[in-house]
């Protein structure tokens, strides 16, 4: 909720503040990798106890990694490792927030971030191989924590190094939660501009942030946290499947895009994007199988429904656009086509505002002025009619429309449909509202609204 509030207030302007945890994490893991490689080179790197209580079992003796459940574990590890590569898409979604030249700066940032990410992932994985660090069933201590303890030792320096790595990791995970609040609103606005999402997602708030997208993301995020009890393993499955599905679609789309265009370097562009699409599709398939019972089934079920919803929204917007295009030419589309204007004044009480509304209705010079009361209480309606007749201020009779189910909007809609069914009547509804001055208790001039 703090991130939601900050982004609604224009938190993206404080990019330097969010850059500090990233630099701390790079420095912490870089220091750990450097010290670890140095100790390994001198033969002084300790090993973790792979048989400690609570560690994930390594398998049975004589069983190769290509047999049965071991292959399943390898595929699952590959899919889990793939989730660490997500976040790069945020740069592509937020190119518009880069300084000029935007495209060049975004490319440089993407290449730099990819290289740093690759070094960190490979470094941590390689160090885990050298130290024999293995995961625990309850997730504690983490592999990075084990590596930091083994690399830095148990002295004062070792404790300081462990705290530094753990603190930097916690900070990068917390600030990493701000990535979707930066990328999703922009992505949603692009999709909405293409008429596959409601156009409300293209609107900016008073701080030029896509407020609707930020609030929508916050609602969905809170719902996921509550449904999954904030379980990281279950959330990673949902997250990775969603991200790699987008990677698959983007890679396939770019492959088709370059295949249709005759441009220099066309073949290698097709090869790169096709490879990305195939690899991403495999990650999605592996996650869907290995994480199906841990929450991936939700994405597998929701994804087709989401595609159907996007297509349905796009169809409605296309129908609206087609209707606009079918309007008559300029000078004719805004001319009146109906010839019988009727004004209905909605009456809920006998007060001056209603009679001012009736006066305004007559000033519009319609063919007919009517006073209508939507009755949800028959006894009160009879009293209102008697009071209306007793006042004698207007010669417009008060009509009563029964609404026993108290659904006022439906009753008004049916009234409007009935009055305009002939195709020649245009109906105007006036709702009388009485207002008062803010400084005194004297009634102001009542006016219809």
Protein backbone atom coordinates (compact mmCIF):
# COMPACT_ATOMS: atom_id res chain seq x y z
CA UNK A 1 0.00 0.00 0.00
CA UNK A 2 2.96 2.31 0.57
CA UNK A 3 4.13 1.64 -2.99
CA UNK A 4 0.61 2.28 -4.30
CA UNK A 5 0.43 5.60 -2.50
CA UNK A 6 3.90 6.60 -3.64
CA UNK A 7 3.22 5.78 -7.29
CA UNK A 8 -0.06 7.66 -7.24
CA UNK A 9 1.91 10.63 -5.95
CA UNK A 10 4.50 10.37 -8.73
CA UNK A 11 7.09 8.12 -7.07
CA UNK A 12 8.84 7.45 -10.38
CA UNK A 13 10.56 10.82 -9.96
CA UNK A 14 12.49 9.32 -7.04
CA UNK A 15 14.38 6.87 -9.27
CA UNK A 16 17.69 7.52 -7.54
CA UNK A 17 16.25 6.33 -4.24
CA UNK A 18 15.23 3.03 -5.82
CA UNK A 19 18.62 2.72 -7.53
CA UNK A 20 20.46 2.57 -4.19
CA UNK A 21 19.21 -0.94 -3.20
CA UNK A 22 20.08 -2.21 -6.68
CA UNK A 23 23.65 -0.95 -6.41
CA UNK A 24 23.94 -2.34 -2.87
CA UNK A 25 22.77 -5.77 -4.02
CA UNK A 26 25.18 -5.80 -6.98
CA UNK A 27 28.01 -4.77 -4.67
CA UNK A 28 27.11 -7.34 -2.01
CA UNK A 29 26.79 -10.29 -4.38
CA UNK A 30 29.82 -9.13 -6.38
CA UNK A 31 31.92 -9.02 -3.21
CA UNK A 32 30.68 -12.47 -2.20
CA UNK A 33 31.52 -13.92 -5.62
CA UNK A 34 34.98 -12.31 -5.67
CA UNK A 35 35.89 -13.56 -2.19
CA UNK A 36 34.44 -16.99 -2.96
CA UNK A 37 36.39 -17.39 -6.18
CA UNK A 38 39.56 -16.22 -4.47
CA UNK A 39 39.16 -18.74 -1.64
CA UNK A 40 38.34 -21.49 -4.15
CA UNK A 41 41.48 -20.64 -6.15
CA UNK A 42 43.60 -21.01 -3.01
CA UNK A 43 41.77 -24.21 -1.99
CA UNK A 44 40.32 -22.61 1.13
CA UNK A 45 36.62 -22.63 0.24
CA UNK A 46 34.53 -24.65 2.76
CA UNK A 47 31.65 -26.92 1.77
CA UNK A 48 28.12 -27.10 3.14
CA UNK A 49 26.77 -30.21 4.84
CA UNK A 50 24.50 -31.75 2.20
CA UNK A 51 23.17 -34.25 4.77
CA UNK A 52 22.11 -31.71 7.40
CA UNK A 53 18.66 -32.01 8.89
CA UNK A 54 16.00 -30.32 6.76
CA UNK A 55 17.88 -30.16 3.44
CA UNK A 56 16.23 -31.25 0.22
CA UNK A 57 17.39 -34.84 -0.53
CA UNK A 58 19.79 -35.20 -3.45
CA UNK A 59 18.38 -38.50 -4.71
CA UNK A 60 19.31 -42.13 -4.32
CA UNK A 61 22.76 -43.56 -5.13
CA UNK A 62 23.17 -44.90 -8.66
CA UNK A 63 20.30 -42.88 -10.06
CA UNK A 64 21.26 -40.70 -13.00
CA UNK A 65 19.79 -37.27 -13.60
CA UNK A 66 18.02 -38.48 -16.74
CA UNK A 67 15.86 -40.98 -14.88
CA UNK A 68 12.31 -40.50 -13.64
CA UNK A 69 11.82 -37.94 -10.91
CA UNK A 70 15.36 -36.55 -11.29
CA UNK A 71 14.56 -35.29 -14.80
CA UNK A 72 11.40 -33.78 -13.38
CA UNK A 73 13.50 -31.96 -10.74
CA UNK A 74 15.90 -30.66 -13.41
CA UNK A 75 13.03 -29.29 -15.49
CA UNK A 76 11.50 -27.73 -12.40
CA UNK A 77 14.82 -26.14 -11.46
CA UNK A 78 15.16 -24.79 -15.00
CA UNK A 79 11.72 -23.21 -14.79
CA UNK A 80 12.41 -21.74 -11.35
CA UNK A 81 15.71 -20.33 -12.56
CA UNK A 82 13.94 -18.79 -15.52
CA UNK A 83 11.81 -16.72 -13.17
CA UNK A 84 14.96 -14.89 -12.04
CA UNK A 85 15.30 -13.45 -15.55
CA UNK A 86 12.00 -11.61 -15.38
CA UNK A 87 11.96 -7.87 -14.91
CA UNK A 88 13.70 -7.07 -18.18
CA UNK A 89 10.29 -6.46 -19.76
CA UNK A 90 9.79 -3.44 -17.50
CA UNK A 91 12.39 -1.54 -19.55
CA UNK A 92 10.54 -2.24 -22.79
CA UNK A 93 7.25 -1.14 -21.27
CA UNK A 94 8.67 2.09 -19.85
CA UNK A 95 10.70 3.47 -22.76
CA UNK A 96 8.63 6.66 -22.72
CA UNK A 97 10.03 7.63 -19.29
CA UNK A 98 13.67 7.56 -20.47
CA UNK A 99 15.53 10.72 -21.36
CA UNK A 100 16.16 11.61 -24.98
CA UNK A 101 17.22 9.78 -27.07
CA UNK A 102 14.77 7.35 -25.50
CA UNK A 103 15.39 4.34 -27.76
CA UNK A 104 19.17 4.44 -27.41
CA UNK A 105 19.10 4.94 -23.64
CA UNK A 106 16.59 2.11 -23.23
CA UNK A 107 18.73 -0.26 -25.32
CA UNK A 108 21.83 0.57 -23.31
CA UNK A 109 19.96 0.04 -20.05
CA UNK A 110 18.54 -3.26 -21.29
CA UNK A 111 21.96 -4.57 -22.39
CA UNK A 112 23.60 -3.44 -19.14
CA UNK A 113 20.88 -4.95 -16.99
CA UNK A 114 20.97 -8.23 -18.95
CA UNK A 115 24.74 -8.53 -18.54
CA UNK A 116 24.62 -7.78 -14.82
CA UNK A 117 21.74 -10.20 -14.35
CA UNK A 118 23.54 -12.94 -16.29
CA UNK A 119 26.74 -12.53 -14.25
CA UNK A 120 24.84 -12.61 -10.95
CA UNK A 121 22.72 -15.65 -11.84
CA UNK A 122 25.66 -17.63 -13.22
CA UNK A 123 27.91 -16.51 -10.37
CA UNK A 124 25.48 -17.55 -7.62
CA UNK A 125 24.77 -20.85 -9.39
CA UNK A 126 28.48 -21.57 -9.88
CA UNK A 127 29.30 -20.69 -6.29
CA UNK A 128 26.50 -22.98 -5.10
CA UNK A 129 28.14 -25.78 -7.07
CA UNK A 130 31.54 -25.06 -5.52
CA UNK A 131 30.24 -24.76 -1.94
CA UNK A 132 27.67 -27.58 -2.26
CA UNK A 133 24.99 -25.20 -0.98
CA UNK A 134 21.60 -26.92 -1.19
CA UNK A 135 18.08 -25.68 -0.48
CA UNK A 136 16.17 -26.51 2.68
CA UNK A 137 12.62 -27.81 2.66
CA UNK A 138 11.36 -24.87 4.71
CA UNK A 139 13.35 -22.36 2.62
CA UNK A 140 15.61 -21.27 5.48
CA UNK A 141 18.50 -20.62 5.25
CA UNK A 142 18.44 -19.61 1.61
CA UNK A 143 21.18 -20.65 -0.80
CA UNK A 144 22.58 -17.10 -0.91
CA UNK A 145 22.66 -16.97 2.89
CA UNK A 146 24.56 -20.28 2.99
CA UNK A 147 27.02 -19.04 0.40
CA UNK A 148 27.62 -15.80 2.31
CA UNK A 149 28.22 -17.70 5.55
CA UNK A 150 30.62 -20.15 3.92
CA UNK A 151 32.49 -17.50 1.92
CA UNK A 152 32.87 -14.85 4.63
CA UNK A 153 33.32 -17.23 7.57
CA UNK A 154 32.05 -16.94 11.12
CA UNK A 155 34.15 -14.10 12.54
CA UNK A 156 33.32 -10.44 12.83
CA UNK A 157 34.10 -9.90 9.17
CA UNK A 158 32.02 -12.94 8.24
CA UNK A 159 29.01 -11.76 10.25
CA UNK A 160 29.24 -8.29 8.73
CA UNK A 161 29.43 -9.77 5.23
CA UNK A 162 26.43 -12.03 5.88
CA UNK A 163 24.37 -9.12 7.24
CA UNK A 164 25.37 -6.97 4.27
CA UNK A 165 24.27 -9.63 1.76
CA UNK A 166 21.02 -10.37 3.58
CA UNK A 167 20.13 -6.70 4.00
CA UNK A 168 20.89 -5.93 0.35
CA UNK A 169 18.78 -8.92 -0.74
CA UNK A 170 15.84 -7.81 1.41
CA UNK A 171 16.04 -4.26 0.04
CA UNK A 172 16.22 -5.36 -3.61
CA UNK A 173 13.24 -7.67 -3.14
CA UNK A 174 11.18 -4.92 -1.53
CA UNK A 175 12.02 -2.28 -4.12
CA UNK A 176 11.63 -4.90 -6.86
CA UNK A 177 7.95 -4.95 -5.97
CA UNK A 178 7.79 -1.46 -7.45
CA UNK A 179 8.69 -2.79 -10.92
CA UNK A 180 5.13 -3.81 -11.85
CA UNK A 181 3.80 -0.45 -10.63
CA UNK A 182 6.18 1.15 -13.11
CA UNK A 183 5.66 -1.23 -16.04
CA UNK A 184 2.08 -2.48 -15.82
CA UNK A 185 0.29 0.90 -16.06
CA UNK A 186 2.26 1.75 -19.20
CA UNK A 187 1.69 -1.69 -20.72
CA UNK A 188 -2.02 -1.55 -19.87
CA UNK A 189 -2.28 1.89 -21.46
CA UNK A 190 -0.68 0.57 -24.67
CA UNK A 191 -3.09 -2.37 -24.78
CA UNK A 192 -6.02 -0.05 -24.05
CA UNK A 193 -4.95 2.24 -26.89
CA UNK A 194 -5.15 -0.81 -29.15
CA UNK A 195 -8.72 -1.30 -27.81
CA UNK A 196 -8.12 -4.61 -26.04
CA UNK A 197 -8.63 -3.16 -22.52
CA UNK A 198 -11.02 -0.49 -21.20
CA UNK A 199 -9.97 2.98 -22.31
CA UNK A 200 -10.02 4.16 -18.67
CA UNK A 201 -6.55 2.62 -18.35
CA UNK A 202 -5.17 5.30 -20.71
CA UNK A 203 -6.07 8.16 -18.39
CA UNK A 204 -3.50 9.87 -16.21
CA UNK A 205 -4.04 11.26 -12.73
CA UNK A 206 -3.18 14.75 -11.50
CA UNK A 207 0.45 13.63 -11.03
CA UNK A 208 0.56 12.30 -14.62
CA UNK A 209 0.54 8.71 -13.38
CA UNK A 210 -1.79 6.09 -14.81
CA UNK A 211 -3.91 6.01 -11.67
CA UNK A 212 -6.46 3.49 -12.93
CA UNK A 213 -3.74 1.00 -13.87
CA UNK A 214 -1.99 1.43 -10.51
CA UNK A 215 -5.21 0.89 -8.54
CA UNK A 216 -6.19 -2.11 -10.69
CA UNK A 217 -2.79 -3.70 -10.12
CA UNK A 218 -3.02 -3.05 -6.38
CA UNK A 219 -6.43 -4.76 -6.15
CA UNK A 220 -5.23 -7.83 -8.05
CA UNK A 221 -1.98 -8.00 -6.04
CA UNK A 222 -3.80 -7.84 -2.71
CA UNK A 223 -6.22 -10.53 -3.86
CA UNK A 224 -3.34 -12.82 -4.83
CA UNK A 225 -1.60 -12.24 -1.51
CA UNK A 226 -4.75 -13.18 0.39
CA UNK A 227 -5.58 -16.22 -1.76
CA UNK A 228 -2.05 -17.67 -1.65
CA UNK A 229 -1.30 -16.63 1.96
CA UNK A 230 1.72 -14.79 0.51
CA UNK A 231 3.41 -18.14 -0.24
CA UNK A 232 6.42 -17.38 -2.44
CA UNK A 233 6.49 -20.78 -4.17
CA UNK A 234 2.86 -20.46 -5.26
CA UNK A 235 3.28 -16.85 -6.32
CA UNK A 236 6.43 -17.54 -8.35
CA UNK A 237 4.54 -20.09 -10.43
CA UNK A 238 1.79 -17.59 -11.25
CA UNK A 239 4.29 -14.84 -11.90
CA UNK A 240 6.64 -16.81 -14.12
CA UNK A 241 3.90 -18.37 -16.25
CA UNK A 242 2.39 -14.95 -16.88
CA UNK A 243 5.70 -13.32 -17.73
CA UNK A 244 6.99 -16.12 -19.96
CA UNK A 245 3.66 -16.34 -21.74
CA UNK A 246 4.15 -12.67 -22.62
CA UNK A 247 7.73 -13.43 -23.68
CA UNK A 248 6.44 -16.21 -25.93
CA UNK A 249 3.84 -13.99 -27.56
CA UNK A 250 6.33 -11.13 -27.99
CA UNK A 251 8.98 -13.40 -29.55
CA UNK A 252 6.46 -15.00 -31.90
CA UNK A 253 5.03 -11.62 -32.85
CA UNK A 254 8.45 -10.15 -33.62
CA UNK A 255 9.33 -13.24 -35.65
CA UNK A 256 6.27 -12.71 -37.84
CA UNK A 257 7.00 -8.96 -37.96
CA UNK A 258 10.55 -9.42 -39.30
CA UNK A 259 9.45 -12.23 -41.63
CA UNK A 260 7.05 -9.85 -43.36
CA UNK A 261 9.56 -7.02 -43.73
CA UNK A 262 12.42 -6.86 -46.21
CA UNK A 263 15.21 -5.30 -44.19
CA UNK A 264 18.94 -5.78 -43.56
CA UNK A 265 19.75 -8.44 -40.96
CA UNK A 266 16.34 -9.99 -41.37
CA UNK A 267 17.50 -13.58 -40.96
CA UNK A 268 19.36 -13.18 -37.69
CA UNK A 269 16.50 -11.11 -36.25
CA UNK A 270 14.09 -13.91 -37.13
CA UNK A 271 16.46 -16.49 -35.62
CA UNK A 272 16.89 -14.58 -32.35
CA UNK A 273 13.18 -13.92 -31.83
CA UNK A 274 12.12 -17.42 -32.88
CA UNK A 275 14.63 -18.92 -30.43
CA UNK A 276 13.32 -16.66 -27.65
CA UNK A 277 9.74 -17.68 -28.42
CA UNK A 278 10.56 -21.41 -28.40
CA UNK A 279 12.58 -21.26 -25.16
CA UNK A 280 9.93 -19.15 -23.43
CA UNK A 281 7.18 -21.53 -24.58
CA UNK A 282 9.11 -24.44 -23.09
CA UNK A 283 9.41 -22.63 -19.77
CA UNK A 284 5.65 -22.02 -19.76
CA UNK A 285 4.97 -25.68 -20.50
CA UNK A 286 7.39 -26.86 -17.81
CA UNK A 287 5.86 -24.51 -15.24
CA UNK A 288 2.34 -25.57 -16.19
CA UNK A 289 3.26 -29.23 -15.58
CA UNK A 290 5.62 -29.00 -12.61
CA UNK A 291 3.72 -26.28 -10.75
CA UNK A 292 0.18 -27.28 -11.72
CA UNK A 293 -0.85 -28.37 -8.23
CA UNK A 294 0.90 -25.39 -6.60
CA UNK A 295 -1.24 -22.75 -8.28
CA UNK A 296 -0.28 -22.91 -11.94
CA UNK A 297 -3.69 -24.39 -12.69
CA UNK A 298 -5.16 -20.96 -11.99
CA UNK A 299 -3.20 -19.40 -14.86
CA UNK A 300 -3.97 -22.34 -17.14
CA UNK A 301 -7.68 -21.81 -16.50
CA UNK A 302 -7.71 -18.00 -16.39
CA UNK A 303 -5.53 -17.47 -19.48
CA UNK A 304 -8.15 -18.67 -22.02
CA UNK A 305 -10.80 -16.63 -20.21
CA UNK A 306 -8.51 -13.59 -20.31
CA UNK A 307 -7.93 -13.98 -24.04
CA UNK A 308 -11.68 -14.28 -24.58
CA UNK A 309 -12.25 -11.11 -22.51
CA UNK A 310 -9.62 -9.16 -24.49
CA UNK A 311 -11.18 -10.21 -27.79
CA UNK A 312 -14.66 -9.34 -26.52
CA UNK A 313 -13.55 -5.87 -25.41
CA UNK A 314 -11.84 -5.29 -28.75
CA UNK A 315 -14.97 -6.40 -30.60
CA UNK A 316 -17.10 -3.87 -28.70
CA UNK A 317 -14.67 -1.02 -29.44
CA UNK A 318 -14.52 -2.03 -33.10
CA UNK A 319 -18.32 -2.01 -33.29
CA UNK A 320 -18.34 1.45 -31.72
CA UNK A 321 -15.75 2.70 -34.20
CA UNK A 322 -17.71 1.21 -37.11
CA UNK A 323 -20.86 2.97 -35.93
CA UNK A 324 -19.02 6.30 -35.80
CA UNK A 325 -17.66 5.76 -39.30
CA UNK A 326 -21.15 5.00 -40.59
CA UNK A 327 -22.53 8.37 -39.46
CA UNK A 328 -23.70 10.82 -42.16
CA UNK A 329 -21.21 13.37 -43.52
CA UNK A 330 -20.42 16.69 -41.86
CA UNK A 331 -23.39 18.99 -41.47
CA UNK A 332 -25.88 16.13 -41.23
CA UNK A 333 -24.81 13.86 -38.36
CA UNK A 334 -25.51 16.49 -35.68
CA UNK A 335 -28.88 17.61 -37.06
CA UNK A 336 -32.07 16.56 -35.25
CA UNK A 337 -33.82 13.57 -36.76
CA UNK A 338 -36.73 13.30 -34.34
CA UNK A 339 -39.63 15.71 -34.26
CA UNK A 340 -41.41 15.22 -30.93
CA UNK A 341 -39.46 16.49 -27.88
CA UNK A 342 -40.88 15.45 -24.51
CA UNK A 343 -39.61 16.61 -21.11
CA UNK A 344 -40.31 14.58 -17.96
CA UNK A 345 -39.69 16.14 -14.56
CA UNK A 346 -39.02 13.52 -11.91
CA UNK A 347 -40.89 14.35 -8.70
CA UNK A 348 -40.06 12.97 -5.27
CA UNK A 349 -41.55 15.74 -3.12
CA UNK A 350 -43.60 18.90 -3.47
CA UNK A 351 -41.02 21.64 -3.03
CA UNK A 352 -39.93 24.80 -4.90
CA UNK A 353 -37.16 22.98 -6.79
CA UNK A 354 -39.73 20.83 -8.60
CA UNK A 355 -41.72 23.85 -9.77
CA UNK A 356 -38.58 25.65 -10.92
CA UNK A 357 -37.77 22.49 -12.91
CA UNK A 358 -41.25 22.60 -14.47
CA UNK A 359 -40.73 26.27 -15.38
CA UNK A 360 -37.40 25.38 -17.00
CA UNK A 361 -39.06 22.48 -18.87
CA UNK A 362 -41.63 24.87 -20.39
CA UNK A 363 -38.84 27.25 -21.42
CA UNK A 364 -37.39 24.44 -23.55
CA UNK A 365 -40.63 24.62 -25.59
CA UNK A 366 -41.16 20.86 -25.95
CA UNK A 367 -44.29 19.29 -27.38
CA UNK A 368 -45.18 17.90 -23.97
CA UNK A 369 -44.18 18.45 -20.33
CA UNK A 370 -44.92 15.71 -17.82
CA UNK A 371 -44.39 15.27 -14.10
CA UNK A 372 -43.55 11.69 -13.09
CA UNK A 373 -43.15 10.04 -9.68
CA UNK A 374 -41.51 6.60 -9.41
CA UNK A 375 -43.51 4.97 -6.63
CA UNK A 376 -41.75 2.55 -4.31
CA UNK A 377 -44.29 3.20 -1.54
CA UNK A 378 -47.93 3.18 -2.63
CA UNK A 379 -49.21 5.02 0.45
CA UNK A 380 -46.63 7.80 0.09
CA UNK A 381 -47.41 8.05 -3.61
CA UNK A 382 -51.12 8.62 -2.93
CA UNK A 383 -50.31 11.31 -0.40
CA UNK A 384 -47.91 12.96 -2.86
CA UNK A 385 -50.62 13.03 -5.58
CA UNK A 386 -53.11 14.54 -3.14
CA UNK A 387 -50.60 17.14 -2.03
CA UNK A 388 -49.76 17.92 -5.70
CA UNK A 389 -53.41 18.52 -6.52
CA UNK A 390 -54.00 20.55 -3.37
CA UNK A 391 -51.17 22.98 -4.07
CA UNK A 392 -52.62 23.91 -7.47
CA UNK A 393 -49.46 25.73 -8.59
CA UNK A 394 -49.25 23.93 -11.96
CA UNK A 395 -51.66 22.46 -14.44
CA UNK A 396 -49.27 19.58 -15.24
CA UNK A 397 -50.75 16.42 -13.73
CA UNK A 398 -48.57 14.12 -11.63
CA UNK A 399 -48.19 10.65 -13.10
CA UNK A 400 -47.28 7.69 -10.92
CA UNK A 401 -45.13 4.81 -12.21
CA UNK A 402 -45.20 1.78 -9.93
CA UNK A 403 -41.84 0.31 -8.91
CA UNK A 404 -42.59 -2.43 -6.35
CA UNK A 405 -39.12 -4.00 -6.60
CA UNK A 406 -37.48 -0.62 -5.71
CA UNK A 407 -35.16 -0.79 -8.75
CA UNK A 408 -35.36 2.86 -9.72
CA UNK A 409 -32.80 2.74 -12.51
CA UNK A 410 -34.63 -0.12 -14.22
CA UNK A 411 -37.97 1.69 -13.90
CA UNK A 412 -36.49 4.86 -15.44
CA UNK A 413 -34.91 2.86 -18.25
CA UNK A 414 -38.23 1.18 -19.03
CA UNK A 415 -39.95 4.56 -18.99
CA UNK A 416 -37.41 5.98 -21.44
CA UNK A 417 -37.68 2.96 -23.74
CA UNK A 418 -41.47 3.13 -23.74
CA UNK A 419 -41.59 6.87 -24.51
CA UNK A 420 -39.08 6.68 -27.39
CA UNK A 421 -40.30 3.42 -28.92
CA UNK A 422 -41.98 5.20 -31.85
CA UNK A 423 -38.61 6.39 -33.20
CA UNK A 424 -39.74 10.02 -33.40
CA UNK A 425 -39.75 11.06 -29.74
CA UNK A 426 -36.71 12.43 -27.96
CA UNK A 427 -36.99 12.32 -24.17
CA UNK A 428 -35.32 14.61 -21.65
CA UNK A 429 -35.40 13.74 -17.94
CA UNK A 430 -35.06 16.57 -15.40
CA UNK A 431 -34.14 15.77 -11.80
CA UNK A 432 -34.94 18.64 -9.44
CA UNK A 433 -32.33 19.14 -6.71
CA UNK A 434 -32.49 21.78 -4.00
CA UNK A 435 -29.19 23.41 -2.99
CA UNK A 436 -28.23 25.70 -0.13
CA UNK A 437 -25.56 28.33 0.36
CA UNK A 438 -22.47 27.19 2.24
CA UNK A 439 -22.30 30.30 4.47
CA UNK A 440 -25.94 30.72 5.45
CA UNK A 441 -28.95 28.50 5.98
CA UNK A 442 -31.08 30.55 3.58
CA UNK A 443 -32.27 28.44 0.62
CA UNK A 444 -30.75 29.37 -2.68
CA UNK A 445 -32.65 29.51 -5.93
CA UNK A 446 -33.66 25.87 -6.58
CA UNK A 447 -32.65 24.67 -10.00
CA UNK A 448 -32.97 21.45 -11.96
CA UNK A 449 -29.88 19.32 -12.55
